[in-house]
Amino acid sequence: AASGITFSRYAMSWYRQAPGKERELVAGISSAGDRTNYAY
């Protein structure tokens, strides 16, 4: 949940970080929601 920004103008991504590992990109979505990408 985002507040304080015009959320519809922002792309959004999910990352994760496991213990002892670097943060990695999991998935992303465009501001309009029409494009997505995923980690393999």
All heavy atoms as atom14 arrays in JSON, in Angstrom:
{
  "sequence": "AASGITFSRYAMSWYRQAPGKERELVAGISSAGDRTNYAY",
  "atom14_mask": [
    [1, 1, 1, 1, 1, 0, 0, 0, 0, 0, 0, 0, 0, 0],
    [1, 1, 1, 1, 1, 0, 0, 0, 0, 0, 0, 0, 0, 0],
    [1, 1, 1, 1, 1, 1, 0, 0, 0, 0, 0, 0, 0, 0],
    [1, 1, 1, 1, 0, 0, 0, 0, 0, 0, 0, 0, 0, 0],
    [1, 1, 1, 1, 1, 1, 1, 1, 0, 0, 0, 0, 0, 0],
    [1, 1, 1, 1, 1, 1, 1, 0, 0, 0, 0, 0, 0, 0],
    [1, 1, 1, 1, 1, 1, 1, 1, 1, 1, 1, 0, 0, 0],
    [1, 1, 1, 1, 1, 1, 0, 0, 0, 0, 0, 0, 0, 0],
    [1, 1, 1, 1, 1, 1, 1, 1, 1, 1, 1, 0, 0, 0],
    [1, 1, 1, 1, 1, 1, 1, 1, 1, 1, 1, 1, 0, 0],
    [1, 1, 1, 1, 1, 0, 0, 0, 0, 0, 0, 0, 0, 0],
    [1, 1, 1, 1, 1, 1, 1, 1, 0, 0, 0, 0, 0, 0],
    [1, 1, 1, 1, 1, 1, 0, 0, 0, 0, 0, 0, 0, 0],
    [1, 1, 1, 1, 1, 1, 1, 1, 1, 1, 1, 1, 1, 1],
    [1, 1, 1, 1, 1, 1, 1, 1, 1, 1, 1, 1, 0, 0],
    [1, 1, 1, 1, 1, 1, 1, 1, 1, 1, 1, 0, 0, 0],
    [1, 1, 1, 1, 1, 1, 1, 1, 1, 0, 0, 0, 0, 0],
    [1, 1, 1, 1, 1, 0, 0, 0, 0, 0, 0, 0, 0, 0],
    [1, 1, 1, 1, 1, 1, 1, 0, 0, 0, 0, 0, 0, 0],
    [1, 1, 1, 1, 0, 0, 0, 0, 0, 0, 0, 0, 0, 0],
    [1, 1, 1, 1, 1, 1, 1, 1, 1, 0, 0, 0, 0, 0],
    [1, 1, 1, 1, 1, 1, 1, 1, 1, 0, 0, 0, 0, 0],
    [1, 1, 1, 1, 1, 1, 1, 1, 1, 1, 1, 0, 0, 0],
    [1, 1, 1, 1, 1, 1, 1, 1, 1, 0, 0, 0, 0, 0],
    [1, 1, 1, 1, 1, 1, 1, 1, 0, 0, 0, 0, 0, 0],
    [1, 1, 1, 1, 1, 1, 1, 0, 0, 0, 0, 0, 0, 0],
    [1, 1, 1, 1, 1, 0, 0, 0, 0, 0, 0, 0, 0, 0],
    [1, 1, 1, 1, 0, 0, 0, 0, 0, 0, 0, 0, 0, 0],
    [1, 1, 1, 1, 1, 1, 1, 1, 0, 0, 0, 0, 0, 0],
    [1, 1, 1, 1, 1, 1, 0, 0, 0, 0, 0, 0, 0, 0],
    [1, 1, 1, 1, 1, 1, 0, 0, 0, 0, 0, 0, 0, 0],
    [1, 1, 1, 1, 1, 0, 0, 0, 0, 0, 0, 0, 0, 0],
    [1, 1, 1, 1, 0, 0, 0, 0, 0, 0, 0, 0, 0, 0],
    [1, 1, 1, 1, 1, 1, 1, 1, 0, 0, 0, 0, 0, 0],
    [1, 1, 1, 1, 1, 1, 1, 1, 1, 1, 1, 0, 0, 0],
    [1, 1, 1, 1, 1, 1, 1, 0, 0, 0, 0, 0, 0, 0],
    [1, 1, 1, 1, 1, 1, 1, 1, 0, 0, 0, 0, 0, 0],
    [1, 1, 1, 1, 1, 1, 1, 1, 1, 1, 1, 1, 0, 0],
    [1, 1, 1, 1, 1, 0, 0, 0, 0, 0, 0, 0, 0, 0],
    [1, 1, 1, 1, 1, 1, 1, 1, 1, 1, 1, 1, 0, 0]
  ],
  "atom14_positions": [
    [[0.84, -1.19, 0.0], [0.0, 0.0, 0.0], [0.87, 1.24, 0.0], [1.75, 1.38, 0.85], [-0.91, -0.01, 1.22], [0.0, 0.0, 0.0], [0.0, 0.0, 0.0], [0.0, 0.0, 0.0], [0.0, 0.0, 0.0], [0.0, 0.0, 0.0], [0.0, 0.0, 0.0], [0.0, 0.0, 0.0], [0.0, 0.0, 0.0], [0.0, 0.0, 0.0]],
    [[0.62, 2.12, -0.94], [1.41, 3.35, -1.08], [0.54, 4.56, -0.79], [-0.63, 4.6, -1.15], [2.0, 3.44, -2.48], [0.0, 0.0, 0.0], [0.0, 0.0, 0.0], [0.0, 0.0, 0.0], [0.0, 0.0, 0.0], [0.0, 0.0, 0.0], [0.0, 0.0, 0.0], [0.0, 0.0, 0.0], [0.0, 0.0, 0.0], [0.0, 0.0, 0.0]],
    [[1.15, 5.55, -0.16], [0.48, 6.82, 0.09], [1.49, 7.95, -0.06], [2.7, 7.73, 0.07], [-0.16, 6.85, 1.48], [0.81, 6.67, 2.48], [0.0, 0.0, 0.0], [0.0, 0.0, 0.0], [0.0, 0.0, 0.0], [0.0, 0.0, 0.0], [0.0, 0.0, 0.0], [0.0, 0.0, 0.0], [0.0, 0.0, 0.0], [0.0, 0.0, 0.0]],
    [[0.99, 9.13, -0.33], [1.87, 10.28, -0.48], [2.44, 10.45, -1.88], [3.23, 11.38, -2.1], [0.0, 0.0, 0.0], [0.0, 0.0, 0.0], [0.0, 0.0, 0.0], [0.0, 0.0, 0.0], [0.0, 0.0, 0.0], [0.0, 0.0, 0.0], [0.0, 0.0, 0.0], [0.0, 0.0, 0.0], [0.0, 0.0, 0.0], [0.0, 0.0, 0.0]],
    [[2.1, 9.54, -2.78], [2.52, 9.65, -4.17], [1.32, 9.37, -5.07], [0.32, 8.78, -4.63], [3.65, 8.65, -4.54], [3.21, 7.2, -4.25], [4.94, 8.99, -3.83], [4.19, 6.15, -4.73], [0.0, 0.0, 0.0], [0.0, 0.0, 0.0], [0.0, 0.0, 0.0], [0.0, 0.0, 0.0], [0.0, 0.0, 0.0], [0.0, 0.0, 0.0]],
    [[1.42, 9.79, -6.32], [0.39, 9.41, -7.3], [0.76, 8.02, -7.79], [1.53, 7.86, -8.74], [0.35, 10.43, -8.45], [0.14, 11.73, -7.91], [-0.8, 10.09, -9.39], [0.0, 0.0, 0.0], [0.0, 0.0, 0.0], [0.0, 0.0, 0.0], [0.0, 0.0, 0.0], [0.0, 0.0, 0.0], [0.0, 0.0, 0.0], [0.0, 0.0, 0.0]],
    [[0.23, 7.04, -7.13], [0.65, 5.64, -7.31], [0.56, 5.22, -8.78], [1.42, 4.49, -9.27], [-0.22, 4.74, -6.45], [0.16, 3.29, -6.48], [1.38, 2.87, -5.97], [-0.7, 2.34, -7.0], [1.74, 1.53, -5.98], [-0.36, 1.0, -7.02], [0.87, 0.59, -6.51], [0.0, 0.0, 0.0], [0.0, 0.0, 0.0], [0.0, 0.0, 0.0]],
    [[-0.44, 5.7, -9.48], [-0.65, 5.27, -10.87], [0.45, 5.75, -11.81], [0.51, 5.29, -12.95], [-2.01, 5.76, -11.36], [-2.06, 7.17, -11.32], [0.0, 0.0, 0.0], [0.0, 0.0, 0.0], [0.0, 0.0, 0.0], [0.0, 0.0, 0.0], [0.0, 0.0, 0.0], [0.0, 0.0, 0.0], [0.0, 0.0, 0.0], [0.0, 0.0, 0.0]],
    [[1.3, 6.63, -11.35], [2.42, 7.12, -12.17], [3.72, 6.35, -11.91], [4.73, 6.6, -12.57], [2.65, 8.6, -11.93], [1.49, 9.49, -12.37], [1.79, 10.95, -12.13], [0.67, 11.81, -12.54], [0.66, 13.14, -12.36], [1.7, 13.74, -11.81], [-0.38, 13.83, -12.75], [0.0, 0.0, 0.0], [0.0, 0.0, 0.0], [0.0, 0.0, 0.0]],
    [[3.68, 5.45, -10.97], [4.88, 4.74, -10.56], [4.82, 3.28, -10.96], [3.79, 2.61, -10.77], [5.06, 4.82, -9.04], [5.57, 6.15, -8.56], [4.76, 7.28, -8.57], [6.89, 6.29, -8.12], [5.24, 8.51, -8.16], [7.37, 7.51, -7.69], [6.55, 8.61, -7.71], [7.02, 9.82, -7.3], [0.0, 0.0, 0.0], [0.0, 0.0, 0.0]],
    [[5.93, 2.79, -11.49], [6.08, 1.35, -11.62], [6.28, 0.76, -10.23], [6.58, 1.48, -9.27], [7.26, 1.03, -12.53], [0.0, 0.0, 0.0], [0.0, 0.0, 0.0], [0.0, 0.0, 0.0], [0.0, 0.0, 0.0], [0.0, 0.0, 0.0], [0.0, 0.0, 0.0], [0.0, 0.0, 0.0], [0.0, 0.0, 0.0], [0.0, 0.0, 0.0]],
    [[6.1, -0.53, -10.14], [6.25, -1.19, -8.85], [7.02, -2.49, -9.04], [6.85, -3.2, -10.04], [4.88, -1.49, -8.25], [4.92, -2.0, -6.82], [3.31, -2.57, -6.28], [3.15, -4.06, -7.21], [0.0, 0.0, 0.0], [0.0, 0.0, 0.0], [0.0, 0.0, 0.0], [0.0, 0.0, 0.0], [0.0, 0.0, 0.0], [0.0, 0.0, 0.0]],
    [[7.86, -2.77, -8.07], [8.63, -4.01, -8.11], [8.61, -4.67, -6.74], [8.49, -4.0, -5.72], [10.08, -3.73, -8.5], [10.16, -3.14, -9.77], [0.0, 0.0, 0.0], [0.0, 0.0, 0.0], [0.0, 0.0, 0.0], [0.0, 0.0, 0.0], [0.0, 0.0, 0.0], [0.0, 0.0, 0.0], [0.0, 0.0, 0.0], [0.0, 0.0, 0.0]],
    [[8.75, -5.97, -6.77], [8.93, -6.75, -5.54], [10.35, -7.33, -5.58], [10.78, -7.89, -6.59], [7.93, -7.89, -5.44], [6.55, -7.45, -5.09], [5.52, -7.2, -5.95], [6.02, -7.24, -3.77], [4.39, -6.82, -5.26], [4.67, -6.84, -3.92], [6.56, -7.34, -2.49], [3.85, -6.55, -2.82], [5.74, -7.05, -1.4], [4.41, -6.66, -1.58]],
    [[11.03, -7.21, -4.45], [12.34, -7.78, -4.26], [12.28, -8.71, -3.05], [11.35, -8.66, -2.25], [13.38, -6.69, -3.98], [13.74, -5.82, -5.15], [12.87, -4.83, -5.6], [14.96, -5.97, -5.8], [13.2, -4.02, -6.67], [15.3, -5.16, -6.87], [14.42, -4.19, -7.29], [14.76, -3.39, -8.36], [0.0, 0.0, 0.0], [0.0, 0.0, 0.0]],
    [[13.31, -9.53, -2.92], [13.42, -10.34, -1.71], [14.89, -10.5, -1.34], [15.77, -10.4, -2.2], [12.78, -11.71, -1.89], [13.46, -12.63, -2.88], [12.64, -13.9, -3.08], [13.28, -14.82, -4.01], [12.71, -15.94, -4.44], [11.49, -16.28, -4.02], [13.35, -16.72, -5.29], [0.0, 0.0, 0.0], [0.0, 0.0, 0.0], [0.0, 0.0, 0.0]],
    [[15.09, -10.72, -0.06], [16.44, -10.94, 0.43], [16.43, -12.06, 1.45], [15.78, -11.95, 2.5], [17.02, -9.67, 1.06], [18.48, -9.79, 1.43], [19.11, -8.44, 1.73], [18.42, -7.47, 2.01], [20.43, -8.38, 1.65], [0.0, 0.0, 0.0], [0.0, 0.0, 0.0], [0.0, 0.0, 0.0], [0.0, 0.0, 0.0], [0.0, 0.0, 0.0]],
    [[17.1, -13.14, 1.11], [17.23, -14.27, 2.01], [18.46, -14.07, 2.89], [19.39, -13.34, 2.51], [17.34, -15.55, 1.2], [0.0, 0.0, 0.0], [0.0, 0.0, 0.0], [0.0, 0.0, 0.0], [0.0, 0.0, 0.0], [0.0, 0.0, 0.0], [0.0, 0.0, 0.0], [0.0, 0.0, 0.0], [0.0, 0.0, 0.0], [0.0, 0.0, 0.0]],
    [[18.51, -14.72, 4.04], [19.67, -14.57, 4.94], [20.98, -14.91, 4.22], [21.09, -15.95, 3.57], [19.37, -15.57, 6.05], [17.89, -15.69, 6.07], [17.47, -15.57, 4.64], [0.0, 0.0, 0.0], [0.0, 0.0, 0.0], [0.0, 0.0, 0.0], [0.0, 0.0, 0.0], [0.0, 0.0, 0.0], [0.0, 0.0, 0.0], [0.0, 0.0, 0.0]],
    [[21.94, -14.01, 4.32], [23.24, -14.25, 3.72], [23.31, -14.05, 2.23], [24.35, -14.31, 1.61], [0.0, 0.0, 0.0], [0.0, 0.0, 0.0], [0.0, 0.0, 0.0], [0.0, 0.0, 0.0], [0.0, 0.0, 0.0], [0.0, 0.0, 0.0], [0.0, 0.0, 0.0], [0.0, 0.0, 0.0], [0.0, 0.0, 0.0], [0.0, 0.0, 0.0]],
    [[22.21, -13.58, 1.64], [22.2, -13.38, 0.19], [21.9, -11.93, -0.14], [21.39, -11.18, 0.68], [21.16, -14.3, -0.46], [21.48, -15.78, -0.33], [20.53, -16.62, -1.16], [20.9, -18.1, -1.11], [19.98, -18.93, -1.94], [0.0, 0.0, 0.0], [0.0, 0.0, 0.0], [0.0, 0.0, 0.0], [0.0, 0.0, 0.0], [0.0, 0.0, 0.0]],
    [[22.19, -11.57, -1.38], [21.9, -10.22, -1.83], [20.4, -10.08, -2.16], [19.73, -11.07, -2.47], [22.74, -9.88, -3.05], [24.22, -9.8, -2.77], [25.0, -9.29, -3.97], [24.41, -9.13, -5.05], [26.21, -9.05, -3.83], [0.0, 0.0, 0.0], [0.0, 0.0, 0.0], [0.0, 0.0, 0.0], [0.0, 0.0, 0.0], [0.0, 0.0, 0.0]],
    [[19.95, -8.86, -2.11], [18.57, -8.59, -2.49], [18.42, -8.84, -3.99], [19.26, -8.43, -4.78], [18.19, -7.15, -2.15], [16.73, -6.85, -2.27], [16.41, -5.45, -1.75], [16.69, -5.32, -0.32], [16.34, -4.26, 0.4], [15.7, -3.24, -0.18], [16.63, -4.2, 1.68], [0.0, 0.0, 0.0], [0.0, 0.0, 0.0], [0.0, 0.0, 0.0]],
    [[17.32, -9.52, -4.36], [17.11, -9.84, -5.76], [15.72, -9.4, -6.2], [14.77, -9.42, -5.42], [17.28, -11.34, -6.01], [16.27, -12.22, -5.3], [16.37, -13.69, -5.71], [17.09, -14.01, -6.66], [15.69, -14.51, -5.06], [0.0, 0.0, 0.0], [0.0, 0.0, 0.0], [0.0, 0.0, 0.0], [0.0, 0.0, 0.0], [0.0, 0.0, 0.0]],
    [[15.63, -9.06, -7.48], [14.35, -8.69, -8.06], [13.5, -9.94, -8.28], [13.97, -10.92, -8.84], [14.57, -7.98, -9.39], [13.32, -7.59, -10.18], [12.5, -6.55, -9.43], [13.72, -7.07, -11.56], [0.0, 0.0, 0.0], [0.0, 0.0, 0.0], [0.0, 0.0, 0.0], [0.0, 0.0, 0.0], [0.0, 0.0, 0.0], [0.0, 0.0, 0.0]],
    [[12.26, -9.87, -7.83], [11.34, -10.99, -7.98], [10.38, -10.75, -9.15], [10.18, -11.62, -10.0], [10.53, -11.21, -6.68], [9.48, -12.28, -6.88], [11.47, -11.56, -5.53], [0.0, 0.0, 0.0], [0.0, 0.0, 0.0], [0.0, 0.0, 0.0], [0.0, 0.0, 0.0], [0.0, 0.0, 0.0], [0.0, 0.0, 0.0], [0.0, 0.0, 0.0]],
    [[9.78, -9.57, -9.17], [8.79, -9.27, -10.22], [8.62, -7.76, -10.32], [8.86, -7.03, -9.35], [7.45, -9.92, -9.91], [0.0, 0.0, 0.0], [0.0, 0.0, 0.0], [0.0, 0.0, 0.0], [0.0, 0.0, 0.0], [0.0, 0.0, 0.0], [0.0, 0.0, 0.0], [0.0, 0.0, 0.0], [0.0, 0.0, 0.0], [0.0, 0.0, 0.0]],
    [[8.18, -7.31, -11.48], [7.92, -5.9, -11.68], [6.67, -5.7, -12.53], [6.26, -6.6, -13.28], [0.0, 0.0, 0.0], [0.0, 0.0, 0.0], [0.0, 0.0, 0.0], [0.0, 0.0, 0.0], [0.0, 0.0, 0.0], [0.0, 0.0, 0.0], [0.0, 0.0, 0.0], [0.0, 0.0, 0.0], [0.0, 0.0, 0.0], [0.0, 0.0, 0.0]],
    [[6.07, -4.54, -12.38], [4.86, -4.23, -13.15], [4.9, -2.74, -13.5], [5.34, -1.91, -12.71], [3.59, -4.59, -12.34], [2.33, -4.45, -13.21], [3.49, -3.79, -11.06], [1.09, -5.09, -12.57], [0.0, 0.0, 0.0], [0.0, 0.0, 0.0], [0.0, 0.0, 0.0], [0.0, 0.0, 0.0], [0.0, 0.0, 0.0], [0.0, 0.0, 0.0]],
    [[4.43, -2.44, -14.7], [4.43, -1.06, -15.16], [3.37, -0.24, -14.42], [2.51, -0.79, -13.73], [4.16, -1.01, -16.66], [2.89, -1.58, -16.94], [0.0, 0.0, 0.0], [0.0, 0.0, 0.0], [0.0, 0.0, 0.0], [0.0, 0.0, 0.0], [0.0, 0.0, 0.0], [0.0, 0.0, 0.0], [0.0, 0.0, 0.0], [0.0, 0.0, 0.0]],
    [[3.43, 1.07, -14.58], [2.51, 1.94, -13.86], [1.05, 1.65, -14.22], [0.17, 1.7, -13.35], [2.85, 3.4, -14.14], [2.82, 3.66, -15.53], [0.0, 0.0, 0.0], [0.0, 0.0, 0.0], [0.0, 0.0, 0.0], [0.0, 0.0, 0.0], [0.0, 0.0, 0.0], [0.0, 0.0, 0.0], [0.0, 0.0, 0.0], [0.0, 0.0, 0.0]],
    [[0.8, 1.33, -15.47], [-0.57, 1.04, -15.91], [-0.96, -0.41, -15.69], [-2.12, -0.78, -15.86], [-0.72, 1.38, -17.39], [0.0, 0.0, 0.0], [0.0, 0.0, 0.0], [0.0, 0.0, 0.0], [0.0, 0.0, 0.0], [0.0, 0.0, 0.0], [0.0, 0.0, 0.0], [0.0, 0.0, 0.0], [0.0, 0.0, 0.0], [0.0, 0.0, 0.0]],
    [[0.02, -1.22, -15.35], [-0.26, -2.63, -15.11], [-0.3, -3.49, -16.36], [-0.69, -4.66, -16.3], [0.0, 0.0, 0.0], [0.0, 0.0, 0.0], [0.0, 0.0, 0.0], [0.0, 0.0, 0.0], [0.0, 0.0, 0.0], [0.0, 0.0, 0.0], [0.0, 0.0, 0.0], [0.0, 0.0, 0.0], [0.0, 0.0, 0.0], [0.0, 0.0, 0.0]],
    [[0.15, -2.95, -17.48], [0.04, -3.68, -18.73], [1.31, -4.45, -19.09], [1.32, -5.2, -20.06], [-0.34, -2.74, -19.87], [0.61, -1.56, -20.01], [1.4, -1.32, -19.07], [0.58, -0.88, -21.05], [0.0, 0.0, 0.0], [0.0, 0.0, 0.0], [0.0, 0.0, 0.0], [0.0, 0.0, 0.0], [0.0, 0.0, 0.0], [0.0, 0.0, 0.0]],
    [[2.34, -4.26, -18.32], [3.58, -5.01, -18.57], [4.12, -5.54, -17.25], [4.13, -4.84, -16.25], [4.63, -4.12, -19.23], [4.24, -3.58, -20.58], [5.41, -2.86, -21.25], [5.94, -1.78, -20.43], [5.42, -0.57, -20.39], [4.37, -0.27, -21.13], [5.97, 0.36, -19.62], [0.0, 0.0, 0.0], [0.0, 0.0, 0.0], [0.0, 0.0, 0.0]],
    [[4.52, -6.79, -17.29], [5.09, -7.43, -16.11], [6.37, -8.18, -16.47], [6.59, -8.52, -17.64], [4.1, -8.43, -15.47], [3.77, -9.44, -16.44], [2.83, -7.74, -15.02], [0.0, 0.0, 0.0], [0.0, 0.0, 0.0], [0.0, 0.0, 0.0], [0.0, 0.0, 0.0], [0.0, 0.0, 0.0], [0.0, 0.0, 0.0], [0.0, 0.0, 0.0]],
    [[7.18, -8.42, -15.48], [8.36, -9.25, -15.68], [8.62, -10.02, -14.38], [8.24, -9.58, -13.3], [9.58, -8.42, -16.08], [9.98, -7.42, -15.02], [9.39, -6.35, -14.89], [11.0, -7.77, -14.23], [0.0, 0.0, 0.0], [0.0, 0.0, 0.0], [0.0, 0.0, 0.0], [0.0, 0.0, 0.0], [0.0, 0.0, 0.0], [0.0, 0.0, 0.0]],
    [[9.26, -11.17, -14.53], [9.48, -12.06, -13.4], [10.89, -12.64, -13.43], [11.46, -12.88, -14.5], [8.49, -13.23, -13.44], [7.06, -12.82, -13.3], [6.29, -12.56, -14.44], [6.47, -12.69, -12.05], [4.95, -12.17, -14.32], [5.14, -12.31, -11.92], [4.39, -12.05, -13.05], [3.09, -11.67, -12.92], [0.0, 0.0, 0.0], [0.0, 0.0, 0.0]],
    [[11.4, -12.89, -12.25], [12.62, -13.67, -12.15], [12.33, -15.1, -12.61], [11.23, -15.61, -12.41], [13.13, -13.68, -10.71], [0.0, 0.0, 0.0], [0.0, 0.0, 0.0], [0.0, 0.0, 0.0], [0.0, 0.0, 0.0], [0.0, 0.0, 0.0], [0.0, 0.0, 0.0], [0.0, 0.0, 0.0], [0.0, 0.0, 0.0], [0.0, 0.0, 0.0]],
    [[13.32, -15.72, -13.19], [13.12, -17.07, -13.71], [12.66, -18.03, -12.62], [11.83, -18.9, -12.84], [14.42, -17.57, -14.34], [14.33, -18.96, -14.88], [13.76, -19.2, -16.13], [14.79, -20.05, -14.14], [13.68, -20.48, -16.63], [14.7, -21.33, -14.64], [14.14, -21.55, -15.89], [14.05, -22.82, -16.38], [0.0, 0.0, 0.0], [0.0, 0.0, 0.0]]
  ]
}
